[in-house]
PDB file of N, CA and C in Angstrom:
ATOM      1  N   MET A   1      91.526 105.816 113.277  1.00  0.00           N
ATOM      2  CA  MET A   1      91.085 107.175 112.985  1.00  0.00           C
ATOM      3  C   MET A   1      90.853 107.904 114.292  1.00  0.00           C
ATOM      4  N   GLN A   2      91.739 108.815 114.558  1.00  0.00           N
ATOM      5  CA  GLN A   2      91.630 109.643 115.745  1.00  0.00           C
ATOM      6  C   GLN A   2      91.596 111.106 115.319  1.00  0.00           C
ATOM      7  N   PRO A   3      90.929 111.952 116.098  1.00  0.00           N
ATOM      8  CA  PRO A   3      91.006 113.387 115.807  1.00  0.00           C
ATOM      9  C   PRO A   3      92.471 113.825 115.829  1.00  0.00           C
ATOM     10  N   TYR A   4      92.782 114.845 115.069  1.00  0.00           N
ATOM     11  CA  TYR A   4      94.165 115.288 114.942  1.00  0.00           C
ATOM     12  C   TYR A   4      94.175 116.777 114.639  1.00  0.00           C
ATOM     13  N   ALA A   5      95.121 117.481 115.187  1.00  0.00           N
ATOM     14  CA  ALA A   5      95.316 118.899 114.891  1.00  0.00           C
ATOM     15  C   ALA A   5      96.809 119.154 114.781  1.00  0.00           C
ATOM     16  N   ALA A   6      97.197 120.002 113.822  1.00  0.00           N
ATOM     17  CA  ALA A   6      98.619 120.280 113.624  1.00  0.00           C
ATOM     18  C   ALA A   6      98.793 121.573 112.852  1.00  0.00           C
ATOM     19  N   ASN A   7      99.966 122.157 112.969  1.00  0.00           N
ATOM     20  CA  ASN A   7     100.383 123.257 112.112  1.00  0.00           C
ATOM     21  C   ASN A   7     100.897 122.602 110.826  1.00  0.00           C
ATOM     22  N   ILE A   8     100.104 122.642 109.773  1.00  0.00           N
ATOM     23  CA  ILE A   8     100.429 121.925 108.531  1.00  0.00           C
ATOM     24  C   ILE A   8     101.710 122.477 107.902  1.00  0.00           C
ATOM     25  N   GLY A   9     101.870 123.793 107.905  1.00  0.00           N
ATOM     26  CA  GLY A   9     103.078 124.386 107.347  1.00  0.00           C
ATOM     27  C   GLY A   9     104.334 123.905 108.053  1.00  0.00           C
ATOM     28  N   LEU A  10     104.294 123.843 109.375  1.00  0.00           N
ATOM     29  CA  LEU A  10     105.437 123.365 110.155  1.00  0.00           C
ATOM     30  C   LEU A  10     105.669 121.876 109.914  1.00  0.00           C
ATOM     31  N   ALA A  11     104.598 121.106 109.841  1.00  0.00           N
ATOM     32  CA  ALA A  11     104.734 119.668 109.562  1.00  0.00           C
ATOM     33  C   ALA A  11     105.367 119.457 108.189  1.00  0.00           C
ATOM     34  N   ALA A  12     104.937 120.230 107.197  1.00  0.00           N
ATOM     35  CA  ALA A  12     105.511 120.118 105.850  1.00  0.00           C
ATOM     36  C   ALA A  12     106.976 120.526 105.866  1.00  0.00           C
ATOM     37  N   TRP A  13     107.286 121.583 106.563  1.00  0.00           N
ATOM     38  CA  TRP A  13     108.668 122.075 106.633  1.00  0.00           C
ATOM     39  C   TRP A  13     109.591 121.024 107.233  1.00  0.00           C
ATOM     40  N   SER A  14     109.133 120.308 108.254  1.00  0.00           N
ATOM     41  CA  SER A  14     109.987 119.336 108.931  1.00  0.00           C
ATOM     42  C   SER A  14     110.011 117.968 108.244  1.00  0.00           C
ATOM     43  N   SER A  15     109.092 117.734 107.316  1.00  0.00           N
ATOM     44  CA  SER A  15     109.056 116.456 106.601  1.00  0.00           C
ATOM     45  C   SER A  15     110.228 116.362 105.626  1.00  0.00           C
ATOM     46  N   ARG A  16     110.816 115.167 105.512  1.00  0.00           N
ATOM     47  CA  ARG A  16     111.961 114.955 104.619  1.00  0.00           C
ATOM     48  C   ARG A  16     111.692 113.917 103.532  1.00  0.00           C
ATOM     49  N   ASP A  17     110.545 113.239 103.597  1.00  0.00           N
ATOM     50  CA  ASP A  17     110.234 112.170 102.661  1.00  0.00           C
ATOM     51  C   ASP A  17     109.574 112.705 101.398  1.00  0.00           C
ATOM     52  N   PHE A  18     109.715 111.951 100.305  1.00  0.00           N
ATOM     53  CA  PHE A  18     109.013 112.306  99.069  1.00  0.00           C
ATOM     54  C   PHE A  18     107.515 112.383  99.355  1.00  0.00           C
ATOM     55  N   ARG A  19     106.998 111.372 100.063  1.00  0.00           N
ATOM     56  CA  ARG A  19     105.581 111.362 100.439  1.00  0.00           C
ATOM     57  C   ARG A  19     105.415 110.659 101.771  1.00  0.00           C
ATOM     58  N   CYS A  20     104.629 111.252 102.645  1.00  0.00           N
ATOM     59  CA  CYS A  20     104.243 110.559 103.880  1.00  0.00           C
ATOM     60  C   CYS A  20     102.817 110.958 104.231  1.00  0.00           C
ATOM     61  N   THR A  21     102.072 109.990 104.731  1.00  0.00           N
ATOM     62  CA  THR A  21     100.707 110.280 105.157  1.00  0.00           C
ATOM     63  C   THR A  21     100.757 110.910 106.542  1.00  0.00           C
ATOM     64  N   LEU A  22     100.108 112.041 106.685  1.00  0.00           N
ATOM     65  CA  LEU A  22     100.044 112.729 107.970  1.00  0.00           C
ATOM     66  C   LEU A  22      98.819 112.262 108.756  1.00  0.00           C
ATOM     67  N   TRP A  23      97.702 112.072 108.044  1.00  0.00           N
ATOM     68  CA  TRP A  23      96.466 111.639 108.699  1.00  0.00           C
ATOM     69  C   TRP A  23      95.583 110.979 107.653  1.00  0.00           C
ATOM     70  N   THR A  24      94.919 109.904 108.073  1.00  0.00           N
ATOM     71  CA  THR A  24      94.004 109.194 107.190  1.00  0.00           C
ATOM     72  C   THR A  24      92.697 108.926 107.925  1.00  0.00           C
ATOM     73  N   GLY A  25      91.613 109.359 107.336  1.00  0.00           N
ATOM     74  CA  GLY A  25      90.283 109.084 107.858  1.00  0.00           C
ATOM     75  C   GLY A  25      89.525 108.188 106.893  1.00  0.00           C
ATOM     76  N   LYS A  26      88.247 108.025 107.146  1.00  0.00           N
ATOM     77  CA  LYS A  26      87.413 107.175 106.301  1.00  0.00           C
ATOM     78  C   LYS A  26      87.235 107.783 104.908  1.00  0.00           C
ATOM     79  N   ASN A  27      87.061 109.107 104.827  1.00  0.00           N
ATOM     80  CA  ASN A  27      86.746 109.769 103.566  1.00  0.00           C
ATOM     81  C   ASN A  27      87.776 110.786 103.095  1.00  0.00           C
ATOM     82  N   LEU A  28      88.843 110.964 103.880  1.00  0.00           N
ATOM     83  CA  LEU A  28      89.788 112.045 103.607  1.00  0.00           C
ATOM     84  C   LEU A  28      91.175 111.650 104.085  1.00  0.00           C
ATOM     85  N   GLN A  29      92.197 112.160 103.397  1.00  0.00           N
ATOM     86  CA  GLN A  29      93.571 111.866 103.800  1.00  0.00           C
ATOM     87  C   GLN A  29      94.457 113.079 103.517  1.00  0.00           C
ATOM     88  N   MET A  30      95.416 113.336 104.407  1.00  0.00           N
ATOM     89  CA  MET A  30      96.416 114.368 104.157  1.00  0.00           C
ATOM     90  C   MET A  30      97.782 113.728 104.068  1.00  0.00           C
ATOM     91  N   THR A  31      98.513 114.085 103.013  1.00  0.00           N
ATOM     92  CA  THR A  31      99.900 113.671 102.882  1.00  0.00           C
ATOM     93  C   THR A  31     100.768 114.918 102.747  1.00  0.00           C
ATOM     94  N   LEU A  32     102.054 114.736 103.000  1.00  0.00           N
ATOM     95  CA  LEU A  32     103.048 115.787 102.803  1.00  0.00           C
ATOM     96  C   LEU A  32     104.025 115.288 101.759  1.00  0.00           C
ATOM     97  N   MET A  33     104.508 116.196 100.907  1.00  0.00           N
ATOM     98  CA  MET A  33     105.429 115.806  99.842  1.00  0.00           C
ATOM     99  C   MET A  33     106.598 116.774  99.760  1.00  0.00           C
ATOM    100  N   ASN A  34     107.755 116.230  99.364  1.00  0.00           N
ATOM    101  CA  ASN A  34     108.956 117.009  99.084  1.00  0.00           C
ATOM    102  C   ASN A  34     109.388 116.686  97.667  1.00  0.00           C
ATOM    103  N   ILE A  35     109.470 117.705  96.823  1.00  0.00           N
ATOM    104  CA  ILE A  35     109.894 117.524  95.437  1.00  0.00           C
ATOM    105  C   ILE A  35     111.245 118.230  95.283  1.00  0.00           C
ATOM    106  N   PRO A  36     112.292 117.484  94.934  1.00  0.00           N
ATOM    107  CA  PRO A  36     113.629 118.083  94.849  1.00  0.00           C
ATOM    108  C   PRO A  36     113.753 119.105  93.718  1.00  0.00           C
ATOM    109  N   LEU A  37     114.854 119.846  93.723  1.00  0.00           N
ATOM    110  CA  LEU A  37     115.142 120.799  92.652  1.00  0.00           C
ATOM    111  C   LEU A  37     115.026 120.099  91.306  1.00  0.00           C
ATOM    112  N   CYS A  38     114.366 120.742  90.369  1.00  0.00           N
ATOM    113  CA  CYS A  38     114.158 120.214  89.008  1.00  0.00           C
ATOM    114  C   CYS A  38     113.339 118.923  89.000  1.00  0.00           C
ATOM    115  N   GLY A  39     112.738 118.560  90.122  1.00  0.00           N
ATOM    116  CA  GLY A  39     111.949 117.336  90.200  1.00  0.00           C
ATOM    117  C   GLY A  39     110.478 117.587  89.910  1.00  0.00           C
ATOM    118  N   GLU A  40     109.712 116.513  89.945  1.00  0.00           N
ATOM    119  CA  GLU A  40     108.279 116.592  89.686  1.00  0.00           C
ATOM    120  C   GLU A  40     107.570 115.444  90.391  1.00  0.00           C
ATOM    121  N   ILE A  41     106.280 115.604  90.587  1.00  0.00           N
ATOM    122  CA  ILE A  41     105.482 114.506  91.128  1.00  0.00           C
ATOM    123  C   ILE A  41     105.446 113.380  90.107  1.00  0.00           C
ATOM    124  N   GLY A  42     105.294 113.741  88.858  1.00  0.00           N
ATOM    125  CA  GLY A  42     105.151 112.762  87.779  1.00  0.00           C
ATOM    126  C   GLY A  42     103.717 112.764  87.290  1.00  0.00           C
ATOM    127  N   LEU A  43     103.536 112.629  86.002  1.00  0.00           N
ATOM    128  CA  LEU A  43     102.212 112.647  85.400  1.00  0.00           C
ATOM    129  C   LEU A  43     101.377 111.494  85.956  1.00  0.00           C
ATOM    130  N   GLU A  44     100.195 111.833  86.472  1.00  0.00           N
ATOM    131  CA  GLU A  44      99.338 110.820  87.089  1.00  0.00           C
ATOM    132  C   GLU A  44      97.885 111.215  86.983  1.00  0.00           C
ATOM    133  N   VAL A  45      97.025 110.241  87.269  1.00  0.00           N
ATOM    134  CA  VAL A  45      95.588 110.461  87.315  1.00  0.00           C
ATOM    135  C   VAL A  45      95.026 109.600  88.442  1.00  0.00           C
ATOM    136  N   HIS A  46      94.050 110.122  89.161  1.00  0.00           N
ATOM    137  CA  HIS A  46      93.341 109.374  90.204  1.00  0.00           C
ATOM    138  C   HIS A  46      91.881 109.275  89.737  1.00  0.00           C
ATOM    139  N   PRO A  47      91.480 108.125  89.187  1.00  0.00           N
ATOM    140  CA  PRO A  47      90.158 108.010  88.576  1.00  0.00           C
ATOM    141  C   PRO A  47      88.981 108.333  89.496  1.00  0.00           C
ATOM    142  N   TYR A  48      89.095 108.008  90.784  1.00  0.00           N
ATOM    143  CA  TYR A  48      87.951 108.160  91.686  1.00  0.00           C
ATOM    144  C   TYR A  48      88.246 109.078  92.868  1.00  0.00           C
ATOM    145  N   THR A  49      89.340 109.807  92.820  1.00  0.00           N
ATOM    146  CA  THR A  49      89.769 110.611  93.970  1.00  0.00           C
ATOM    147  C   THR A  49      89.971 112.067  93.567  1.00  0.00           C
ATOM    148  N   ASP A  50      89.296 112.971  94.261  1.00  0.00           N
ATOM    149  CA  ASP A  50      89.581 114.399  94.128  1.00  0.00           C
ATOM    150  C   ASP A  50      90.833 114.693  94.946  1.00  0.00           C
ATOM    151  N   GLN A  51      91.585 115.702  94.523  1.00  0.00           N
ATOM    152  CA  GLN A  51      92.834 116.031  95.213  1.00  0.00           C
ATOM    153  C   GLN A  51      92.963 117.543  95.335  1.00  0.00           C
ATOM    154  N   PHE A  52      93.476 117.971  96.473  1.00  0.00           N
ATOM    155  CA  PHE A  52      93.827 119.373  96.698  1.00  0.00           C
ATOM    156  C   PHE A  52      95.285 119.415  97.119  1.00  0.00           C
ATOM    157  N   LEU A  53      96.088 120.237  96.450  1.00  0.00           N
ATOM    158  CA  LEU A  53      97.494 120.409  96.806  1.00  0.00           C
ATOM    159  C   LEU A  53      97.717 121.869  97.177  1.00  0.00           C
ATOM    160  N   ARG A  54      98.515 122.104  98.214  1.00  0.00           N
ATOM    161  CA  ARG A  54      98.846 123.459  98.636  1.00  0.00           C
ATOM    162  C   ARG A  54     100.357 123.602  98.651  1.00  0.00           C
ATOM    163  N   ILE A  55     100.851 124.672  98.062  1.00  0.00           N
ATOM    164  CA  ILE A  55     102.280 124.955  98.062  1.00  0.00           C
ATOM    165  C   ILE A  55     102.638 125.531  99.427  1.00  0.00           C
ATOM    166  N   GLU A  56     103.490 124.812 100.153  1.00  0.00           N
ATOM    167  CA  GLU A  56     103.929 125.270 101.475  1.00  0.00           C
ATOM    168  C   GLU A  56     105.262 126.012 101.383  1.00  0.00           C
ATOM    169  N   GLN A  57     106.119 125.594 100.449  1.00  0.00           N
ATOM    170  CA  GLN A  57     107.426 126.228 100.245  1.00  0.00           C
ATOM    171  C   GLN A  57     107.854 126.020  98.805  1.00  0.00           C
ATOM    172  N   GLY A  58     108.443 127.036  98.198  1.00  0.00           N
ATOM    173  CA  GLY A  58     108.997 126.907  96.854  1.00  0.00           C
ATOM    174  C   GLY A  58     108.070 127.425  95.779  1.00  0.00           C
ATOM    175  N   GLN A  59     108.491 127.207  94.545  1.00  0.00           N
ATOM    176  CA  GLN A  59     107.708 127.597  93.374  1.00  0.00           C
ATOM    177  C   GLN A  59     107.443 126.347  92.540  1.00  0.00           C
ATOM    178  N   ALA A  60     106.303 126.370  91.858  1.00  0.00           N
ATOM    179  CA  ALA A  60     105.909 125.191  91.080  1.00  0.00           C
ATOM    180  C   ALA A  60     105.132 125.606  89.847  1.00  0.00           C
ATOM    181  N   ARG A  61     105.019 124.662  88.946  1.00  0.00           N
ATOM    182  CA  ARG A  61     104.130 124.791  87.791  1.00  0.00           C
ATOM    183  C   ARG A  61     103.261 123.537  87.780  1.00  0.00           C
ATOM    184  N   VAL A  62     101.965 123.730  87.627  1.00  0.00           N
ATOM    185  CA  VAL A  62     101.043 122.603  87.538  1.00  0.00           C
ATOM    186  C   VAL A  62     100.502 122.524  86.120  1.00  0.00           C
ATOM    187  N   TRP A  63     100.408 121.299  85.637  1.00  0.00           N
ATOM    188  CA  TRP A  63      99.802 120.993  84.352  1.00  0.00           C
ATOM    189  C   TRP A  63      98.633 120.048  84.614  1.00  0.00           C
ATOM    190  N   MET A  64      97.491 120.297  83.970  1.00  0.00           N
ATOM    191  CA  MET A  64      96.334 119.408  84.096  1.00  0.00           C
ATOM    192  C   MET A  64      95.622 119.302  82.751  1.00  0.00           C
ATOM    193  N   GLY A  65      94.938 118.171  82.565  1.00  0.00           N
ATOM    194  CA  GLY A  65      94.174 118.000  81.344  1.00  0.00           C
ATOM    195  C   GLY A  65      93.363 116.730  81.335  1.00  0.00           C
ATOM    196  N   GLU A  66      92.599 116.572  80.263  1.00  0.00           N
ATOM    197  CA  GLU A  66      91.698 115.431  80.108  1.00  0.00           C
ATOM    198  C   GLU A  66      92.440 114.132  79.830  1.00  0.00           C
ATOM    199  N   SER A  67      93.640 114.235  79.248  1.00  0.00           N
ATOM    200  CA  SER A  67      94.423 113.053  78.920  1.00  0.00           C
ATOM    201  C   SER A  67      95.906 113.413  78.972  1.00  0.00           C
ATOM    202  N   ARG A  68      96.752 112.389  78.893  1.00  0.00           N
ATOM    203  CA  ARG A  68      98.208 112.626  78.862  1.00  0.00           C
ATOM    204  C   ARG A  68      98.592 113.577  77.735  1.00  0.00           C
ATOM    205  N   GLU A  69      97.878 113.454  76.638  1.00  0.00           N
ATOM    206  CA  GLU A  69      98.200 114.216  75.444  1.00  0.00           C
ATOM    207  C   GLU A  69      97.569 115.596  75.425  1.00  0.00           C
ATOM    208  N   GLN A  70      96.613 115.859  76.318  1.00  0.00           N
ATOM    209  CA  GLN A  70      95.895 117.139  76.336  1.00  0.00           C
ATOM    210  C   GLN A  70      96.026 117.813  77.687  1.00  0.00           C
ATOM    211  N   MET A  71      97.217 118.324  77.980  1.00  0.00           N
ATOM    212  CA  MET A  71      97.470 119.025  79.243  1.00  0.00           C
ATOM    213  C   MET A  71      97.294 120.518  78.975  1.00  0.00           C
ATOM    214  N   SER A  72      96.054 120.971  78.899  1.00  0.00           N
ATOM    215  CA  SER A  72      95.738 122.329  78.460  1.00  0.00           C
ATOM    216  C   SER A  72      95.737 123.360  79.586  1.00  0.00           C
ATOM    217  N   PHE A  73      95.744 122.924  80.841  1.00  0.00           N
ATOM    218  CA  PHE A  73      95.715 123.844  81.986  1.00  0.00           C
ATOM    219  C   PHE A  73      97.127 123.948  82.557  1.00  0.00           C
ATOM    220  N   CYS A  74      97.664 125.164  82.668  1.00  0.00           N
ATOM    221  CA  CYS A  74      99.007 125.378  83.203  1.00  0.00           C
ATOM    222  C   CYS A  74      99.008 126.644  84.054  1.00  0.00           C
ATOM    223  N   ARG A  75      99.538 126.554  85.271  1.00  0.00           N
ATOM    224  CA  ARG A  75      99.641 127.707  86.164  1.00  0.00           C
ATOM    225  C   ARG A  75     100.956 127.652  86.928  1.00  0.00           C
ATOM    226  N   ASP A  76     101.547 128.826  87.164  1.00  0.00           N
ATOM    227  CA  ASP A  76     102.707 128.955  88.036  1.00  0.00           C
ATOM    228  C   ASP A  76     102.210 129.264  89.435  1.00  0.00           C
ATOM    229  N   LEU A  77     102.857 128.675  90.444  1.00  0.00           N
ATOM    230  CA  LEU A  77     102.363 128.746  91.813  1.00  0.00           C
ATOM    231  C   LEU A  77     103.483 129.113  92.776  1.00  0.00           C
ATOM    232  N   GLU A  78     103.073 129.674  93.911  1.00  0.00           N
ATOM    233  CA  GLU A  78     104.011 130.034  94.977  1.00  0.00           C
ATOM    234  C   GLU A  78     103.376 129.692  96.325  1.00  0.00           C
ATOM    235  N   PRO A  79     104.121 129.842  97.426  1.00  0.00           N
ATOM    236  CA  PRO A  79     103.583 129.457  98.734  1.00  0.00           C
ATOM    237  C   PRO A  79     102.208 130.083  99.018  1.00  0.00           C
ATOM    238  N   GLY A  80     101.328 129.237  99.522  1.00  0.00           N
ATOM    239  CA  GLY A  80      99.966 129.652  99.833  1.00  0.00           C
ATOM    240  C   GLY A  80      98.974 129.351  98.733  1.00  0.00           C
ATOM    241  N   ASP A  81      99.467 129.084  97.506  1.00  0.00           N
ATOM    242  CA  ASP A  81      98.574 128.767  96.396  1.00  0.00           C
ATOM    243  C   ASP A  81      98.073 127.333  96.512  1.00  0.00           C
ATOM    244  N   GLY A  82      96.874 127.099  96.016  1.00  0.00           N
ATOM    245  CA  GLY A  82      96.274 125.773  96.046  1.00  0.00           C
ATOM    246  C   GLY A  82      95.894 125.296  94.666  1.00  0.00           C
ATOM    247  N   ILE A  83      95.839 123.981  94.508  1.00  0.00           N
ATOM    248  CA  ILE A  83      95.502 123.331  93.248  1.00  0.00           C
ATOM    249  C   ILE A  83      94.351 122.364  93.528  1.00  0.00           C
ATOM    250  N   PHE A  84      93.268 122.490  92.791  1.00  0.00           N
ATOM    251  CA  PHE A  84      92.144 121.560  92.910  1.00  0.00           C
ATOM    252  C   PHE A  84      92.162 120.662  91.682  1.00  0.00           C
ATOM    253  N   VAL A  85      92.284 119.352  91.900  1.00  0.00           N
ATOM    254  CA  VAL A  85      92.364 118.380  90.813  1.00  0.00           C
ATOM    255  C   VAL A  85      91.139 117.465  90.893  1.00  0.00           C
ATOM    256  N   PRO A  86      90.189 117.623  89.965  1.00  0.00           N
ATOM    257  CA  PRO A  86      89.018 116.743  89.972  1.00  0.00           C
ATOM    258  C   PRO A  86      89.408 115.295  89.645  1.00  0.00           C
ATOM    259  N   ALA A  87      88.692 114.347  90.210  1.00  0.00           N
ATOM    260  CA  ALA A  87      88.913 112.937  89.898  1.00  0.00           C
ATOM    261  C   ALA A  87      88.909 112.750  88.387  1.00  0.00           C
ATOM    262  N   GLY A  88      89.834 111.905  87.912  1.00  0.00           N
ATOM    263  CA  GLY A  88      89.917 111.611  86.497  1.00  0.00           C
ATOM    264  C   GLY A  88      90.717 112.607  85.678  1.00  0.00           C
ATOM    265  N   THR A  89      91.312 113.617  86.317  1.00  0.00           N
ATOM    266  CA  THR A  89      92.097 114.634  85.610  1.00  0.00           C
ATOM    267  C   THR A  89      93.577 114.293  85.680  1.00  0.00           C
ATOM    268  N   TRP A  90      94.221 114.237  84.524  1.00  0.00           N
ATOM    269  CA  TRP A  90      95.666 114.019  84.478  1.00  0.00           C
ATOM    270  C   TRP A  90      96.352 115.275  85.008  1.00  0.00           C
ATOM    271  N   HIS A  91      97.442 115.099  85.753  1.00  0.00           N
ATOM    272  CA  HIS A  91      98.121 116.257  86.338  1.00  0.00           C
ATOM    273  C   HIS A  91      99.580 115.946  86.654  1.00  0.00           C
ATOM    274  N   ASN A  92     100.349 117.005  86.745  1.00  0.00           N
ATOM    275  CA  ASN A  92     101.738 116.921  87.173  1.00  0.00           C
ATOM    276  C   ASN A  92     102.106 118.249  87.804  1.00  0.00           C
ATOM    277  N   VAL A  93     102.918 118.197  88.853  1.00  0.00           N
ATOM    278  CA  VAL A  93     103.440 119.388  89.510  1.00  0.00           C
ATOM    279  C   VAL A  93     104.954 119.315  89.421  1.00  0.00           C
ATOM    280  N   VAL A  94     105.556 120.399  88.910  1.00  0.00           N
ATOM    281  CA  VAL A  94     106.996 120.454  88.671  1.00  0.00           C
ATOM    282  C   VAL A  94     107.602 121.542  89.561  1.00  0.00           C
ATOM    283  N   ASN A  95     108.715 121.220  90.201  1.00  0.00           N
ATOM    284  CA  ASN A  95     109.448 122.200  91.004  1.00  0.00           C
ATOM    285  C   ASN A  95     110.183 123.135  90.050  1.00  0.00           C
ATOM    286  N   THR A  96     109.812 124.408  90.030  1.00  0.00           N
ATOM    287  CA  THR A  96     110.449 125.395  89.157  1.00  0.00           C
ATOM    288  C   THR A  96     111.316 126.368  89.937  1.00  0.00           C
ATOM    289  N   GLY A  97     111.435 126.170  91.237  1.00  0.00           N
ATOM    290  CA  GLY A  97     112.187 127.094  92.077  1.00  0.00           C
ATOM    291  C   GLY A  97     113.619 126.647  92.317  1.00  0.00           C
ATOM    292  N   ASN A  98     114.255 127.319  93.265  1.00  0.00           N
ATOM    293  CA  ASN A  98     115.651 127.029  93.591  1.00  0.00           C
ATOM    294  C   ASN A  98     115.812 126.401  94.974  1.00  0.00           C
ATOM    295  N   ARG A  99     114.750 125.782  95.460  1.00  0.00           N
ATOM    296  CA  ARG A  99     114.768 125.053  96.731  1.00  0.00           C
ATOM    297  C   ARG A  99     113.783 123.906  96.670  1.00  0.00           C
ATOM    298  N   ILE A 100     113.828 123.043  97.650  1.00  0.00           N
ATOM    299  CA  ILE A 100     112.891 121.920  97.704  1.00  0.00           C
ATOM    300  C   ILE A 100     111.461 122.456  97.710  1.00  0.00           C
ATOM    301  N   LEU A 101     110.605 121.852  96.909  1.00  0.00           N
ATOM    302  CA  LEU A 101     109.187 122.187  96.872  1.00  0.00           C
ATOM    303  C   LEU A 101     108.484 121.340  97.922  1.00  0.00           C
ATOM    304  N   LYS A 102     107.788 121.992  98.836  1.00  0.00           N
ATOM    305  CA  LYS A 102     107.056 121.287  99.881  1.00  0.00           C
ATOM    306  C   LYS A 102     105.565 121.497  99.659  1.00  0.00           C
ATOM    307  N   LEU A 103     104.838 120.380  99.651  1.00  0.00           N
ATOM    308  CA  LEU A 103     103.404 120.389  99.393  1.00  0.00           C
ATOM    309  C   LEU A 103     102.649 119.694 100.520  1.00  0.00           C
ATOM    310  N   SER A 104     101.462 120.169 100.802  1.00  0.00           N
ATOM    311  CA  SER A 104     100.504 119.379 101.568  1.00  0.00           C
ATOM    312  C   SER A 104      99.404 119.002 100.588  1.00  0.00           C
ATOM    313  N   THR A 105      98.899 117.787 100.727  1.00  0.00           N
ATOM    314  CA  THR A 105      97.940 117.256  99.764  1.00  0.00           C
ATOM    315  C   THR A 105      96.791 116.575 100.492  1.00  0.00           C
ATOM    316  N   ILE A 106      95.589 116.876 100.074  1.00  0.00           N
ATOM    317  CA  ILE A 106      94.402 116.215 100.609  1.00  0.00           C
ATOM    318  C   ILE A 106      93.786 115.373  99.503  1.00  0.00           C
ATOM    319  N   TYR A 107      93.520 114.122  99.817  1.00  0.00           N
ATOM    320  CA  TYR A 107      92.833 113.203  98.922  1.00  0.00           C
ATOM    321  C   TYR A 107      91.460 112.878  99.518  1.00  0.00           C
ATOM    322  N   ALA A 108      90.430 112.846  98.664  1.00  0.00           N
ATOM    323  CA  ALA A 108      89.100 112.444  99.108  1.00  0.00           C
ATOM    324  C   ALA A 108      88.477 111.569  98.026  1.00  0.00           C
ATOM    325  N   PRO A 109      88.311 110.291  98.255  1.00  0.00           N
ATOM    326  CA  PRO A 109      88.674 109.521  99.451  1.00  0.00           C
ATOM    327  C   PRO A 109      90.186 109.281  99.501  1.00  0.00           C
ATOM    328  N   PRO A 110      90.676 108.661 100.599  1.00  0.00           N
ATOM    329  CA  PRO A 110      92.113 108.409 100.734  1.00  0.00           C
ATOM    330  C   PRO A 110      92.685 107.658  99.530  1.00  0.00           C
ATOM    331  N   GLU A 111      93.913 108.001  99.193  1.00  0.00           N
ATOM    332  CA  GLU A 111      94.603 107.399  98.046  1.00  0.00           C
ATOM    333  C   GLU A 111      95.636 106.362  98.477  1.00  0.00           C
ATOM    334  N   HIS A 112      96.230 106.550  99.656  1.00  0.00           N
ATOM    335  CA  HIS A 112      97.322 105.694 100.132  1.00  0.00           C
ATOM    336  C   HIS A 112      96.920 105.015 101.435  1.00  0.00           C
ATOM    337  N   ALA A 113      97.523 103.882 101.712  1.00  0.00           N
ATOM    338  CA  ALA A 113      97.257 103.196 102.976  1.00  0.00           C
ATOM    339  C   ALA A 113      97.706 104.082 104.139  1.00  0.00           C
ATOM    340  N   ALA A 114      96.957 104.062 105.223  1.00  0.00           N
ATOM    341  CA  ALA A 114      97.337 104.823 106.416  1.00  0.00           C
ATOM    342  C   ALA A 114      98.751 104.440 106.829  1.00  0.00           C
ATOM    343  N   GLY A 115      99.549 105.447 107.175  1.00  0.00           N
ATOM    344  CA  GLY A 115     100.916 105.194 107.614  1.00  0.00           C
ATOM    345  C   GLY A 115     101.929 105.070 106.488  1.00  0.00           C
ATOM    346  N   THR A 116     101.495 105.246 105.237  1.00  0.00           N
ATOM    347  CA  THR A 116     102.407 105.132 104.102  1.00  0.00           C
ATOM    348  C   THR A 116     103.513 106.181 104.183  1.00  0.00           C
ATOM    349  N   VAL A 117     104.746 105.737 103.976  1.00  0.00           N
ATOM    350  CA  VAL A 117     105.897 106.629 103.862  1.00  0.00           C
ATOM    351  C   VAL A 117     106.714 106.163 102.663  1.00  0.00           C
ATOM    352  N   HIS A 118     106.975 107.071 101.744  1.00  0.00           N
ATOM    353  CA  HIS A 118     107.854 106.811 100.599  1.00  0.00           C
ATOM    354  C   HIS A 118     109.019 107.786 100.712  1.00  0.00           C
ATOM    355  N   PRO A 119     110.176 107.326 101.200  1.00  0.00           N
ATOM    356  CA  PRO A 119     111.318 108.239 101.361  1.00  0.00           C
ATOM    357  C   PRO A 119     111.750 108.910 100.056  1.00  0.00           C
ATOM    358  N   THR A 120     111.623 108.199  98.917  1.00  0.00           N
ATOM    359  CA  THR A 120     112.027 108.750  97.626  1.00  0.00           C
ATOM    360  C   THR A 120     110.932 108.525  96.591  1.00  0.00           C
ATOM    361  N   LYS A 121     111.040 109.233  95.480  1.00  0.00           N
ATOM    362  CA  LYS A 121     110.093 109.033  94.382  1.00  0.00           C
ATOM    363  C   LYS A 121     110.207 107.610  93.845  1.00  0.00           C
ATOM    364  N   GLU A 122     111.411 107.080  93.809  1.00  0.00           N
ATOM    365  CA  GLU A 122     111.621 105.711  93.344  1.00  0.00           C
ATOM    366  C   GLU A 122     110.872 104.718  94.226  1.00  0.00           C
ATOM    367  N   ASP A 123     110.879 104.951  95.539  1.00  0.00           N
ATOM    368  CA  ASP A 123     110.122 104.100  96.463  1.00  0.00           C
ATOM    369  C   ASP A 123     108.623 104.185  96.158  1.00  0.00           C
ATOM    370  N   ALA A 124     108.143 105.392  95.876  1.00  0.00           N
ATOM    371  CA  ALA A 124     106.728 105.571  95.569  1.00  0.00           C
ATOM    372  C   ALA A 124     106.354 104.842  94.280  1.00  0.00           C
ATOM    373  N   LEU A 125     107.188 104.962  93.251  1.00  0.00           N
ATOM    374  CA  LEU A 125     106.914 104.281  91.986  1.00  0.00           C
ATOM    375  C   LEU A 125     106.930 102.768  92.145  1.00  0.00           C
ATOM    376  N   LYS A 126     107.863 102.259  92.928  1.00  0.00           N
ATOM    377  CA  LYS A 126     107.958 100.815  93.159  1.00  0.00           C
ATOM    378  C   LYS A 126     106.710 100.308  93.895  1.00  0.00           C
ATOM    379  N   ALA A 127     106.208 101.098  94.855  1.00  0.00           N
ATOM    380  CA  ALA A 127     105.018 100.695  95.617  1.00  0.00           C
ATOM    381  C   ALA A 127     103.762 100.665  94.735  1.00  0.00           C
ATOM    382  N   GLU A 128     103.754 101.443  93.677  1.00  0.00           N
ATOM    383  CA  GLU A 128     102.581 101.531  92.794  1.00  0.00           C
ATOM    384  C   GLU A 128     102.570 100.431  91.736  1.00  0.00           C
ATOM    385  N   GLU A 129     103.656  99.662  91.610  1.00  0.00           N
ATOM    386  CA  GLU A 129     103.729  98.592  90.597  1.00  0.00           C
ATOM    387  C   GLU A 129     102.812  97.445  90.948  1.00  0.00           C
TER     388      GLU A 129
END
């Protein structure tokens, strides 16, 4: 854990992986994500982790709810918009634009091991098995 400073938008723009950890501390972590055209993060829940996602490039739709079956919160998003996901909330972010969706994401506490890189969504799913 070292202090770190960066232009997050530029870091997100230059990132090519589905997910990579940019910085990991004791209580907080930042990752960058690339969601391809017509792609999505995938429906997920983090039982003990709050999450903040920021749209760096592209358009998206976020769905959130108490359960997989009750996704009652839906918003369309564009660059600069943020999403706050409380721990235990089911959520999915879908790329609705015509270019790669680039996200920066903060997890508190960290969700992934420091240095994690998942070049593709398939790699990320395999790592979670």
